[in-house]
């Protein structure tokens, strides 16, 4: 039973971590400058914005996959627990 409990905790921690990553990336994307506004900024700021946006999009995707992978861990732990209960009964 302890193995299953650890799997649940690990999966839930991973989901929370992924959601924090998604929230942070979404916040960065929401606060980033739109292309029309980039033209009005100095050259240094305009050159910086696309790479920041790309990094935020990558972080968003990483967070999504992190949540999906850890949700699968929780699903598997749930299946194992169900099998253990069925076997024990």
PDB file of N, CA and C in Angstrom:
ATOM      1  N   UNK A   1       0.807  -1.204   0.000  1.00  0.00           N
ATOM      2  CA  UNK A   1       0.000   0.000   0.000  1.00  0.00           C
ATOM      3  C   UNK A   1       0.847   1.263   0.000  1.00  0.00           C
ATOM      4  N   UNK A   2       1.963   1.217   0.652  1.00  0.00           N
ATOM      5  CA  UNK A   2       2.828   2.388   0.726  1.00  0.00           C
ATOM      6  C   UNK A   2       3.316   2.800  -0.663  1.00  0.00           C
ATOM      7  N   UNK A   3       3.606   1.818  -1.503  1.00  0.00           N
ATOM      8  CA  UNK A   3       4.075   2.115  -2.858  1.00  0.00           C
ATOM      9  C   UNK A   3       3.012   2.909  -3.608  1.00  0.00           C
ATOM     10  N   UNK A   4       1.765   2.495  -3.493  1.00  0.00           N
ATOM     11  CA  UNK A   4       0.675   3.185  -4.177  1.00  0.00           C
ATOM     12  C   UNK A   4       0.500   4.598  -3.626  1.00  0.00           C
ATOM     13  N   UNK A   5       0.593   4.757  -2.302  1.00  0.00           N
ATOM     14  CA  UNK A   5       0.469   6.080  -1.694  1.00  0.00           C
ATOM     15  C   UNK A   5       1.560   7.016  -2.187  1.00  0.00           C
ATOM     16  N   UNK A   6       2.778   6.497  -2.305  1.00  0.00           N
ATOM     17  CA  UNK A   6       3.871   7.321  -2.820  1.00  0.00           C
ATOM     18  C   UNK A   6       3.633   7.706  -4.266  1.00  0.00           C
ATOM     19  N   UNK A   7       3.075   6.797  -5.056  1.00  0.00           N
ATOM     20  CA  UNK A   7       2.797   7.095  -6.457  1.00  0.00           C
ATOM     21  C   UNK A   7       1.742   8.200  -6.562  1.00  0.00           C
ATOM     22  N   UNK A   8       0.705   8.115  -5.720  1.00  0.00           N
ATOM     23  CA  UNK A   8      -0.313   9.169  -5.724  1.00  0.00           C
ATOM     24  C   UNK A   8       0.305  10.516  -5.359  1.00  0.00           C
ATOM     25  N   UNK A   9       1.105  10.535  -4.308  1.00  0.00           N
ATOM     26  CA  UNK A   9       1.725  11.792  -3.871  1.00  0.00           C
ATOM     27  C   UNK A   9       2.666  12.358  -4.923  1.00  0.00           C
ATOM     28  N   UNK A  10       3.458  11.486  -5.540  1.00  0.00           N
ATOM     29  CA  UNK A  10       4.369  11.934  -6.586  1.00  0.00           C
ATOM     30  C   UNK A  10       3.601  12.491  -7.773  1.00  0.00           C
ATOM     31  N   UNK A  11       2.552  11.796  -8.177  1.00  0.00           N
ATOM     32  CA  UNK A  11       1.733  12.259  -9.297  1.00  0.00           C
ATOM     33  C   UNK A  11       1.071  13.594  -9.003  1.00  0.00           C
ATOM     34  N   UNK A  12       0.517  13.728  -7.819  1.00  0.00           N
ATOM     35  CA  UNK A  12      -0.148  14.983  -7.456  1.00  0.00           C
ATOM     36  C   UNK A  12       0.849  16.144  -7.369  1.00  0.00           C
ATOM     37  N   UNK A  13       2.030  15.874  -6.814  1.00  0.00           N
ATOM     38  CA  UNK A  13       3.061  16.922  -6.756  1.00  0.00           C
ATOM     39  C   UNK A  13       3.473  17.349  -8.160  1.00  0.00           C
ATOM     40  N   UNK A  14       3.604  16.385  -9.048  1.00  0.00           N
ATOM     41  CA  UNK A  14       3.967  16.698 -10.427  1.00  0.00           C
ATOM     42  C   UNK A  14       2.893  17.498 -11.132  1.00  0.00           C
ATOM     43  N   UNK A  15       1.637  17.166 -10.881  1.00  0.00           N
ATOM     44  CA  UNK A  15       0.536  17.922 -11.477  1.00  0.00           C
ATOM     45  C   UNK A  15       0.563  19.361 -10.978  1.00  0.00           C
ATOM     46  N   UNK A  16       0.773  19.543  -9.685  1.00  0.00           N
ATOM     47  CA  UNK A  16       0.837  20.896  -9.122  1.00  0.00           C
ATOM     48  C   UNK A  16       2.002  21.680  -9.710  1.00  0.00           C
ATOM     49  N   UNK A  17       3.143  21.022  -9.859  1.00  0.00           N
ATOM     50  CA  UNK A  17       4.316  21.677 -10.441  1.00  0.00           C
ATOM     51  C   UNK A  17       4.038  22.086 -11.885  1.00  0.00           C
ATOM     52  N   UNK A  18       3.432  21.197 -12.639  1.00  0.00           N
ATOM     53  CA  UNK A  18       3.094  21.511 -14.025  1.00  0.00           C
ATOM     54  C   UNK A  18       2.105  22.660 -14.130  1.00  0.00           C
ATOM     55  N   UNK A  19       1.134  22.673 -13.230  1.00  0.00           N
ATOM     56  CA  UNK A  19       0.149  23.767 -13.248  1.00  0.00           C
ATOM     57  C   UNK A  19       0.795  25.103 -12.904  1.00  0.00           C
ATOM     58  N   UNK A  20       1.761  25.082 -11.973  1.00  0.00           N
ATOM     59  CA  UNK A  20       2.483  26.328 -11.668  1.00  0.00           C
ATOM     60  C   UNK A  20       3.248  26.813 -12.891  1.00  0.00           C
ATOM     61  N   UNK A  21       3.873  25.869 -13.621  1.00  0.00           N
ATOM     62  CA  UNK A  21       4.618  26.222 -14.826  1.00  0.00           C
ATOM     63  C   UNK A  21       3.679  26.807 -15.881  1.00  0.00           C
ATOM     64  N   UNK A  22       2.507  26.188 -16.037  1.00  0.00           N
ATOM     65  CA  UNK A  22       1.523  26.678 -17.007  1.00  0.00           C
ATOM     66  C   UNK A  22       1.039  28.071 -16.606  1.00  0.00           C
ATOM     67  N   UNK A  23       0.735  28.261 -15.326  1.00  0.00           N
ATOM     68  CA  UNK A  23       0.273  29.566 -14.851  1.00  0.00           C
ATOM     69  C   UNK A  23       1.320  30.650 -15.082  1.00  0.00           C
ATOM     70  N   UNK A  24       2.579  30.331 -14.782  1.00  0.00           N
ATOM     71  CA  UNK A  24       3.651  31.303 -14.962  1.00  0.00           C
ATOM     72  C   UNK A  24       3.828  31.646 -16.439  1.00  0.00           C
ATOM     73  N   UNK A  25       3.846  30.629 -17.291  1.00  0.00           N
ATOM     74  CA  UNK A  25       4.016  30.862 -18.729  1.00  0.00           C
ATOM     75  C   UNK A  25       2.840  31.653 -19.291  1.00  0.00           C
ATOM     76  N   UNK A  26       1.630  31.312 -18.862  1.00  0.00           N
ATOM     77  CA  UNK A  26       0.449  32.034 -19.338  1.00  0.00           C
ATOM     78  C   UNK A  26       0.495  33.494 -18.908  1.00  0.00           C
ATOM     79  N   UNK A  27       0.950  33.734 -17.703  1.00  0.00           N
ATOM     80  CA  UNK A  27       1.080  35.105 -17.220  1.00  0.00           C
ATOM     81  C   UNK A  27       2.110  35.880 -18.031  1.00  0.00           C
ATOM     82  N   UNK A  28       3.232  35.231 -18.331  1.00  0.00           N
ATOM     83  CA  UNK A  28       4.269  35.882 -19.146  1.00  0.00           C
ATOM     84  C   UNK A  28       3.751  36.175 -20.551  1.00  0.00           C
ATOM     85  N   UNK A  29       3.002  35.242 -21.116  1.00  0.00           N
ATOM     86  CA  UNK A  29       2.453  35.444 -22.457  1.00  0.00           C
ATOM     87  C   UNK A  29       1.443  36.584 -22.436  1.00  0.00           C
ATOM     88  N   UNK A  30       0.585  36.610 -21.414  1.00  0.00           N
ATOM     89  CA  UNK A  30      -0.436  37.652 -21.322  1.00  0.00           C
ATOM     90  C   UNK A  30       0.176  39.037 -21.150  1.00  0.00           C
ATOM     91  N   UNK A  31       1.309  39.110 -20.482  1.00  0.00           N
ATOM     92  CA  UNK A  31       1.926  40.412 -20.253  1.00  0.00           C
ATOM     93  C   UNK A  31       2.932  40.784 -21.340  1.00  0.00           C
ATOM     94  N   UNK A  32       3.148  39.880 -22.303  1.00  0.00           N
ATOM     95  CA  UNK A  32       4.107  40.189 -23.366  1.00  0.00           C
ATOM     96  C   UNK A  32       3.523  41.227 -24.312  1.00  0.00           C
ATOM     97  N   UNK A  33       4.388  41.841 -25.082  1.00  0.00           N
ATOM     98  CA  UNK A  33       3.991  42.908 -25.986  1.00  0.00           C
ATOM     99  C   UNK A  33       3.454  42.328 -27.284  1.00  0.00           C
ATOM    100  N   UNK A  34       2.407  42.916 -27.791  1.00  0.00           N
ATOM    101  CA  UNK A  34       1.860  42.489 -29.069  1.00  0.00           C
ATOM    102  C   UNK A  34       2.774  42.948 -30.197  1.00  0.00           C
ATOM    103  N   UNK A  35       2.769  42.262 -31.335  1.00  0.00           N
ATOM    104  CA  UNK A  35       3.657  42.658 -32.439  1.00  0.00           C
ATOM    105  C   UNK A  35       3.511  44.117 -32.859  1.00  0.00           C
ATOM    106  N   UNK A  36       2.311  44.667 -32.867  1.00  0.00           N
ATOM    107  CA  UNK A  36       2.127  46.064 -33.258  1.00  0.00           C
ATOM    108  C   UNK A  36       2.804  46.997 -32.250  1.00  0.00           C
ATOM    109  N   UNK A  37       2.815  46.622 -30.997  1.00  0.00           N
ATOM    110  CA  UNK A  37       3.439  47.446 -29.977  1.00  0.00           C
ATOM    111  C   UNK A  37       4.949  47.285 -29.963  1.00  0.00           C
ATOM    112  N   UNK A  38       5.445  46.149 -30.438  1.00  0.00           N
ATOM    113  CA  UNK A  38       6.885  45.910 -30.468  1.00  0.00           C
ATOM    114  C   UNK A  38       7.567  46.914 -31.378  1.00  0.00           C
ATOM    115  N   UNK A  39       6.899  47.279 -32.504  1.00  0.00           N
ATOM    116  CA  UNK A  39       7.484  48.222 -33.457  1.00  0.00           C
ATOM    117  C   UNK A  39       7.709  49.593 -32.831  1.00  0.00           C
ATOM    118  N   UNK A  40       6.886  49.973 -31.874  1.00  0.00           N
ATOM    119  CA  UNK A  40       7.001  51.284 -31.259  1.00  0.00           C
ATOM    120  C   UNK A  40       8.071  51.329 -30.176  1.00  0.00           C
ATOM    121  N   UNK A  41       8.593  50.161 -29.777  1.00  0.00           N
ATOM    122  CA  UNK A  41       9.596  50.113 -28.725  1.00  0.00           C
ATOM    123  C   UNK A  41      10.992  50.293 -29.313  1.00  0.00           C
ATOM    124  N   UNK A  42      11.969  50.596 -28.455  1.00  0.00           N
ATOM    125  CA  UNK A  42      13.352  50.655 -28.926  1.00  0.00           C
ATOM    126  C   UNK A  42      13.778  49.307 -29.506  1.00  0.00           C
ATOM    127  N   UNK A  43      14.791  49.321 -30.330  1.00  0.00           N
ATOM    128  CA  UNK A  43      15.256  48.119 -31.022  1.00  0.00           C
ATOM    129  C   UNK A  43      15.615  47.012 -30.044  1.00  0.00           C
ATOM    130  N   UNK A  44      16.271  47.349 -28.934  1.00  0.00           N
ATOM    131  CA  UNK A  44      16.668  46.332 -27.960  1.00  0.00           C
ATOM    132  C   UNK A  44      15.450  45.607 -27.390  1.00  0.00           C
ATOM    133  N   UNK A  45      14.408  46.336 -27.040  1.00  0.00           N
ATOM    134  CA  UNK A  45      13.195  45.741 -26.473  1.00  0.00           C
ATOM    135  C   UNK A  45      12.461  44.929 -27.519  1.00  0.00           C
ATOM    136  N   UNK A  46      12.431  45.412 -28.752  1.00  0.00           N
ATOM    137  CA  UNK A  46      11.755  44.689 -29.820  1.00  0.00           C
ATOM    138  C   UNK A  46      12.463  43.377 -30.115  1.00  0.00           C
ATOM    139  N   UNK A  47      13.775  43.382 -30.057  1.00  0.00           N
ATOM    140  CA  UNK A  47      14.535  42.160 -30.309  1.00  0.00           C
ATOM    141  C   UNK A  47      14.363  41.165 -29.166  1.00  0.00           C
ATOM    142  N   UNK A  48      14.143  41.654 -27.973  1.00  0.00           N
ATOM    143  CA  UNK A  48      14.009  40.795 -26.795  1.00  0.00           C
ATOM    144  C   UNK A  48      12.645  40.120 -26.746  1.00  0.00           C
ATOM    145  N   UNK A  49      11.578  40.782 -27.168  1.00  0.00           N
ATOM    146  CA  UNK A  49      10.221  40.286 -27.004  1.00  0.00           C
ATOM    147  C   UNK A  49       9.956  38.935 -27.665  1.00  0.00           C
ATOM    148  N   UNK A  50      10.346  38.701 -28.925  1.00  0.00           N
ATOM    149  CA  UNK A  50      10.032  37.409 -29.533  1.00  0.00           C
ATOM    150  C   UNK A  50      10.679  36.226 -28.804  1.00  0.00           C
ATOM    151  N   UNK A  51      11.927  36.369 -28.360  1.00  0.00           N
ATOM    152  CA  UNK A  51      12.569  35.253 -27.668  1.00  0.00           C
ATOM    153  C   UNK A  51      11.905  35.006 -26.311  1.00  0.00           C
ATOM    154  N   UNK A  52      11.476  36.064 -25.640  1.00  0.00           N
ATOM    155  CA  UNK A  52      10.753  35.891 -24.380  1.00  0.00           C
ATOM    156  C   UNK A  52       9.431  35.177 -24.614  1.00  0.00           C
ATOM    157  N   UNK A  53       8.752  35.560 -25.681  1.00  0.00           N
ATOM    158  CA  UNK A  53       7.481  34.929 -26.008  1.00  0.00           C
ATOM    159  C   UNK A  53       7.691  33.458 -26.369  1.00  0.00           C
ATOM    160  N   UNK A  54       8.719  33.173 -27.135  1.00  0.00           N
ATOM    161  CA  UNK A  54       9.016  31.787 -27.508  1.00  0.00           C
ATOM    162  C   UNK A  54       9.335  30.958 -26.268  1.00  0.00           C
ATOM    163  N   UNK A  55      10.116  31.514 -25.365  1.00  0.00           N
ATOM    164  CA  UNK A  55      10.439  30.806 -24.130  1.00  0.00           C
ATOM    165  C   UNK A  55       9.199  30.542 -23.298  1.00  0.00           C
ATOM    166  N   UNK A  56       8.295  31.499 -23.263  1.00  0.00           N
ATOM    167  CA  UNK A  56       7.051  31.321 -22.517  1.00  0.00           C
ATOM    168  C   UNK A  56       6.172  30.258 -23.157  1.00  0.00           C
ATOM    169  N   UNK A  57       6.133  30.234 -24.487  1.00  0.00           N
ATOM    170  CA  UNK A  57       5.354  29.207 -25.182  1.00  0.00           C
ATOM    171  C   UNK A  57       5.934  27.815 -24.938  1.00  0.00           C
ATOM    172  N   UNK A  58       7.261  27.725 -24.911  1.00  0.00           N
ATOM    173  CA  UNK A  58       7.910  26.451 -24.607  1.00  0.00           C
ATOM    174  C   UNK A  58       7.569  26.029 -23.179  1.00  0.00           C
ATOM    175  N   UNK A  59       7.627  26.964 -22.237  1.00  0.00           N
ATOM    176  CA  UNK A  59       7.270  26.671 -20.850  1.00  0.00           C
ATOM    177  C   UNK A  59       5.824  26.217 -20.715  1.00  0.00           C
ATOM    178  N   UNK A  60       4.948  26.828 -21.491  1.00  0.00           N
ATOM    179  CA  UNK A  60       3.537  26.443 -21.479  1.00  0.00           C
ATOM    180  C   UNK A  60       3.373  24.999 -21.951  1.00  0.00           C
ATOM    181  N   UNK A  61       4.064  24.658 -23.022  1.00  0.00           N
ATOM    182  CA  UNK A  61       3.991  23.294 -23.550  1.00  0.00           C
ATOM    183  C   UNK A  61       4.610  22.291 -22.583  1.00  0.00           C
ATOM    184  N   UNK A  62       5.743  22.661 -21.983  1.00  0.00           N
ATOM    185  CA  UNK A  62       6.373  21.771 -21.006  1.00  0.00           C
ATOM    186  C   UNK A  62       5.443  21.518 -19.827  1.00  0.00           C
ATOM    187  N   UNK A  63       4.805  22.561 -19.350  1.00  0.00           N
ATOM    188  CA  UNK A  63       3.871  22.422 -18.234  1.00  0.00           C
ATOM    189  C   UNK A  63       2.710  21.508 -18.587  1.00  0.00           C
ATOM    190  N   UNK A  64       2.208  21.659 -19.803  1.00  0.00           N
ATOM    191  CA  UNK A  64       1.098  20.813 -20.255  1.00  0.00           C
ATOM    192  C   UNK A  64       1.503  19.340 -20.247  1.00  0.00           C
ATOM    193  N   UNK A  65       2.678  19.047 -20.801  1.00  0.00           N
ATOM    194  CA  UNK A  65       3.139  17.662 -20.836  1.00  0.00           C
ATOM    195  C   UNK A  65       3.453  17.136 -19.438  1.00  0.00           C
ATOM    196  N   UNK A  66       3.942  18.006 -18.583  1.00  0.00           N
ATOM    197  CA  UNK A  66       4.221  17.598 -17.203  1.00  0.00           C
ATOM    198  C   UNK A  66       2.924  17.197 -16.495  1.00  0.00           C
ATOM    199  N   UNK A  67       1.884  17.983 -16.689  1.00  0.00           N
ATOM    200  CA  UNK A  67       0.583  17.663 -16.081  1.00  0.00           C
ATOM    201  C   UNK A  67       0.039  16.361 -16.661  1.00  0.00           C
ATOM    202  N   UNK A  68       0.116  16.203 -17.987  1.00  0.00           N
ATOM    203  CA  UNK A  68      -0.399  14.986 -18.610  1.00  0.00           C
ATOM    204  C   UNK A  68       0.339  13.739 -18.119  1.00  0.00           C
ATOM    205  N   UNK A  69       1.660  13.825 -18.042  1.00  0.00           N
ATOM    206  CA  UNK A  69       2.455  12.676 -17.604  1.00  0.00           C
ATOM    207  C   UNK A  69       2.130  12.306 -16.162  1.00  0.00           C
ATOM    208  N   UNK A  70       2.018  13.294 -15.316  1.00  0.00           N
ATOM    209  CA  UNK A  70       1.735  13.004 -13.910  1.00  0.00           C
ATOM    210  C   UNK A  70       0.294  12.564 -13.689  1.00  0.00           C
ATOM    211  N   UNK A  71      -0.616  13.018 -14.531  1.00  0.00           N
ATOM    212  CA  UNK A  71      -1.991  12.520 -14.459  1.00  0.00           C
ATOM    213  C   UNK A  71      -2.006  11.028 -14.796  1.00  0.00           C
ATOM    214  N   UNK A  72      -1.161  10.642 -15.723  1.00  0.00           N
ATOM    215  CA  UNK A  72      -1.045   9.217 -16.068  1.00  0.00           C
ATOM    216  C   UNK A  72      -0.469   8.418 -14.888  1.00  0.00           C
ATOM    217  N   UNK A  73       0.456   9.004 -14.150  1.00  0.00           N
ATOM    218  CA  UNK A  73       1.000   8.343 -12.960  1.00  0.00           C
ATOM    219  C   UNK A  73      -0.125   8.103 -11.948  1.00  0.00           C
ATOM    220  N   UNK A  74      -0.959   9.102 -11.731  1.00  0.00           N
ATOM    221  CA  UNK A  74      -2.077   8.961 -10.789  1.00  0.00           C
ATOM    222  C   UNK A  74      -3.061   7.902 -11.289  1.00  0.00           C
ATOM    223  N   UNK A  75      -3.354   7.905 -12.595  1.00  0.00           N
ATOM    224  CA  UNK A  75      -4.243   6.890 -13.159  1.00  0.00           C
ATOM    225  C   UNK A  75      -3.687   5.486 -12.933  1.00  0.00           C
ATOM    226  N   UNK A  76      -2.406   5.316 -13.189  1.00  0.00           N
ATOM    227  CA  UNK A  76      -1.777   4.011 -13.017  1.00  0.00           C
ATOM    228  C   UNK A  76      -1.801   3.578 -11.556  1.00  0.00           C
ATOM    229  N   UNK A  77      -1.514   4.495 -10.650  1.00  0.00           N
ATOM    230  CA  UNK A  77      -1.565   4.174  -9.222  1.00  0.00           C
ATOM    231  C   UNK A  77      -2.980   3.774  -8.823  1.00  0.00           C
ATOM    232  N   UNK A  78      -3.970   4.447  -9.394  1.00  0.00           N
ATOM    233  CA  UNK A  78      -5.358   4.115  -9.117  1.00  0.00           C
ATOM    234  C   UNK A  78      -5.683   2.703  -9.617  1.00  0.00           C
ATOM    235  N   UNK A  79      -5.204   2.372 -10.810  1.00  0.00           N
ATOM    236  CA  UNK A  79      -5.424   1.033 -11.358  1.00  0.00           C
ATOM    237  C   UNK A  79      -4.747  -0.029 -10.495  1.00  0.00           C
ATOM    238  N   UNK A  80      -3.526   0.242 -10.052  1.00  0.00           N
ATOM    239  CA  UNK A  80      -2.800  -0.708  -9.204  1.00  0.00           C
ATOM    240  C   UNK A  80      -3.546  -0.903  -7.892  1.00  0.00           C
ATOM    241  N   UNK A  81      -3.999   0.188  -7.303  1.00  0.00           N
ATOM    242  CA  UNK A  81      -4.745   0.081  -6.050  1.00  0.00           C
ATOM    243  C   UNK A  81      -6.019  -0.728  -6.255  1.00  0.00           C
ATOM    244  N   UNK A  82      -6.717  -0.490  -7.361  1.00  0.00           N
ATOM    245  CA  UNK A  82      -7.924  -1.256  -7.667  1.00  0.00           C
ATOM    246  C   UNK A  82      -7.620  -2.737  -7.811  1.00  0.00           C
ATOM    247  N   UNK A  83      -6.517  -3.049  -8.479  1.00  0.00           N
ATOM    248  CA  UNK A  83      -6.116  -4.448  -8.647  1.00  0.00           C
ATOM    249  C   UNK A  83      -5.779  -5.070  -7.302  1.00  0.00           C
ATOM    250  N   UNK A  84      -5.059  -4.333  -6.454  1.00  0.00           N
ATOM    251  CA  UNK A  84      -4.722  -4.846  -5.127  1.00  0.00           C
ATOM    252  C   UNK A  84      -5.974  -5.130  -4.300  1.00  0.00           C
ATOM    253  N   UNK A  85      -6.936  -4.223  -4.381  1.00  0.00           N
ATOM    254  CA  UNK A  85      -8.169  -4.402  -3.618  1.00  0.00           C
ATOM    255  C   UNK A  85      -8.946  -5.598  -4.151  1.00  0.00           C
ATOM    256  N   UNK A  86      -9.012  -5.736  -5.490  1.00  0.00           N
ATOM    257  CA  UNK A  86      -9.722  -6.875  -6.083  1.00  0.00           C
ATOM    258  C   UNK A  86      -9.038  -8.192  -5.725  1.00  0.00           C
ATOM    259  N   UNK A  87      -7.709  -8.197  -5.716  1.00  0.00           N
ATOM    260  CA  UNK A  87      -6.966  -9.398  -5.394  1.00  0.00           C
ATOM    261  C   UNK A  87      -7.152  -9.781  -3.936  1.00  0.00           C
ATOM    262  N   UNK A  88      -7.174  -8.780  -3.089  1.00  0.00           N
ATOM    263  CA  UNK A  88      -7.292  -8.994  -1.646  1.00  0.00           C
ATOM    264  C   UNK A  88      -8.700  -9.462  -1.265  1.00  0.00           C
ATOM    265  N   UNK A  89      -9.715  -9.026  -2.007  1.00  0.00           N
ATOM    266  CA  UNK A  89     -11.109  -9.328  -1.652  1.00  0.00           C
ATOM    267  C   UNK A  89     -11.541 -10.717  -2.006  1.00  0.00           C
TER     268      UNK A  89
END
